[in-house]
C-alpha atoms as a PDB file:
ATOM      1  CA  MET A   1      -0.341   0.735  14.714  1.00  0.00           C
ATOM      2  CA  LEU A   2      -1.337  -1.696  11.998  1.00  0.00           C
ATOM      3  CA  VAL A   3       1.628  -3.417  10.256  1.00  0.00           C
ATOM      4  CA  ARG A   4       1.052  -5.199   7.032  1.00  0.00           C
ATOM      5  CA  MET A   5       3.689  -8.006   6.021  1.00  0.00           C
ATOM      6  CA  PRO A   6       3.629  -9.834   3.005  1.00  0.00           C
ATOM      7  CA  ARG A   7       1.900 -13.436   2.267  1.00  0.00           C
ATOM      8  CA  TYR A   8       4.414 -16.306   0.891  1.00  0.00           C
ATOM      9  CA  GLU A   9       2.790 -19.216  -0.116  1.00  0.00           C
ATOM     10  CA  TYR A  10       4.685 -22.617   0.503  1.00  0.00           C
ATOM     11  CA  ARG A  11       4.306 -26.029  -0.259  1.00  0.00           C
ATOM     12  CA  CYS A  12       5.046 -29.254   1.990  1.00  0.00           C
ATOM     13  CA  ARG A  13       7.443 -31.810   0.408  1.00  0.00           C
ATOM     14  CA  ASP A  14       5.989 -34.111   2.722  1.00  0.00           C
ATOM     15  CA  CYS A  15       2.257 -33.943   2.350  1.00  0.00           C
ATOM     16  CA  GLY A  16       1.370 -31.678  -0.361  1.00  0.00           C
ATOM     17  CA  GLU A  17       0.135 -29.221   1.860  1.00  0.00           C
ATOM     18  CA  THR A  18      -0.395 -25.485  -0.016  1.00  0.00           C
ATOM     19  CA  PHE A  19      -0.441 -23.073   2.254  1.00  0.00           C
ATOM     20  CA  GLU A  20       0.458 -19.261   3.333  1.00  0.00           C
ATOM     21  CA  ARG A  21       2.462 -17.428   6.146  1.00  0.00           C
ATOM     22  CA  SER A  22       2.565 -13.886   6.948  1.00  0.00           C
ATOM     23  CA  ARG A  23       6.169 -13.141   7.568  1.00  0.00           C
ATOM     24  CA  PRO A  24       8.462  -9.798   7.016  1.00  0.00           C
ATOM     25  CA  MET A  25      10.484 -10.235   3.913  1.00  0.00           C
ATOM     26  CA  ALA A  26      13.656 -10.803   5.400  1.00  0.00           C
ATOM     27  CA  GLU A  27      12.208 -13.971   7.135  1.00  0.00           C
ATOM     28  CA  SER A  28      10.997 -15.399   3.685  1.00  0.00           C
ATOM     29  CA  ASP A  29      13.211 -18.248   2.979  1.00  0.00           C
ATOM     30  CA  ARG A  30      13.264 -19.343   6.427  1.00  0.00           C
ATOM     31  CA  PRO A  31      11.589 -22.748   7.144  1.00  0.00           C
ATOM     32  CA  ALA A  32       7.739 -22.952   7.687  1.00  0.00           C
ATOM     33  CA  GLU A  33       5.990 -26.086   9.168  1.00  0.00           C
ATOM     34  CA  CYS A  34       2.824 -26.829   7.430  1.00  0.00           C
ATOM     35  CA  SER A  35      -0.253 -27.931   9.725  1.00  0.00           C
ATOM     36  CA  ARG A  36       1.026 -31.436  10.444  1.00  0.00           C
ATOM     37  CA  GLY A  37       4.083 -30.200  11.294  1.00  0.00           C
ATOM     38  CA  HIS A  38       6.375 -31.125   8.803  1.00  0.00           C
ATOM     39  CA  ALA A  39       9.328 -29.025   8.065  1.00  0.00           C
ATOM     40  CA  ASP A  40      10.589 -29.716   4.856  1.00  0.00           C
ATOM     41  CA  THR A  41       8.723 -27.019   3.120  1.00  0.00           C
ATOM     42  CA  VAL A  42       9.932 -24.926  -0.315  1.00  0.00           C
ATOM     43  CA  LYS A  43       8.467 -20.930  -0.858  1.00  0.00           C
ATOM     44  CA  LEU A  44       6.221 -20.806  -4.044  1.00  0.00           C
ATOM     45  CA  LEU A  45       6.388 -18.335  -6.448  1.00  0.00           C
ATOM     46  CA  SER A  46       3.270 -16.596  -6.443  1.00  0.00           C
ATOM     47  CA  THR A  47       1.685 -14.329  -9.545  1.00  0.00           C
ATOM     48  CA  VAL A  48       0.061 -11.676  -8.823  1.00  0.00           C
ATOM     49  CA  ALA A  49      -2.740 -10.383 -11.433  1.00  0.00           C
ATOM     50  CA  VAL A  50      -3.038  -6.896 -12.407  1.00  0.00           C
ATOM     51  CA  GLY A  51      -5.740  -4.824 -14.411  1.00  0.00           C
ATOM     52  CA  ASN A  52      -5.363  -2.663 -17.321  1.00  0.00           C
ATOM     53  CA  THR A  53      -5.243   0.957 -16.597  1.00  0.00           C
ATOM     54  CA  ALA A  54      -4.751   3.655 -18.615  1.00  0.00           C
ATOM     55  CA  GLU A  55      -0.899   4.297 -17.572  1.00  0.00           C
ATOM     56  CA  ALA A  56      -0.088   0.979 -18.812  1.00  0.00           C
ATOM     57  CA  PRO A  57      -1.750   0.143 -21.702  1.00  0.00           C
ATOM     58  CA  ALA A  58      -1.500  -3.737 -23.173  1.00  0.00           C
ATOM     59  CA  ALA A  59       1.007  -4.358 -25.527  1.00  0.00           C
ATOM     60  CA  ALA A  60       0.362  -4.872 -28.748  1.00  0.00           C
ATOM     61  CA  GLY A  61       2.119  -7.390 -30.757  1.00  0.00           C
ATOM     62  CA  GLY A  62       2.940 -11.234 -30.687  1.00  0.00           C
ATOM     63  CA  CYS A  63       2.948 -13.440 -27.694  1.00  0.00           C
ATOM     64  CA  CYS A  64       5.577 -11.380 -25.816  1.00  0.00           C
ATOM     65  CA  GLY A  65       4.178  -7.885 -27.126  1.00  0.00           C
ATOM     66  CA  GLY A  66       7.403  -7.375 -29.261  1.00  0.00           C
ATOM     67  CA  GLY A  67       6.495  -8.923 -32.248  1.00  0.00           C
ATOM     68  CA  CYS A  68       9.287 -11.422 -32.127  1.00  0.00           C
ATOM     69  CA  CYS A  69       6.938 -14.413 -32.198  1.00  0.00           C
ATOM     70  CA  SER A  70       5.813 -16.017 -35.479  1.00  0.00           C
END
C-alpha cells in the first residue's frame, strides 16, 4: 500500500542549506537535520501555485480582489 506524506521545506540556520523532507503532519515541527548533520533548522512556509479553474474564477478588482486599493 502506497502511503503519501506531505513534503516540508526546511532551512539550516548554521550553513544556510534549504532541503525537503517527507514526513507525517504530526512530525512537521520536529527538528530535521541538514545533509551536513546540523540540527538547528527551521521549517519554511511553502506556497503552492494553483491554476484557474471554472469552479474558482479569478477575482476582479484591486490588488486583493475586493476593490479596497486606490
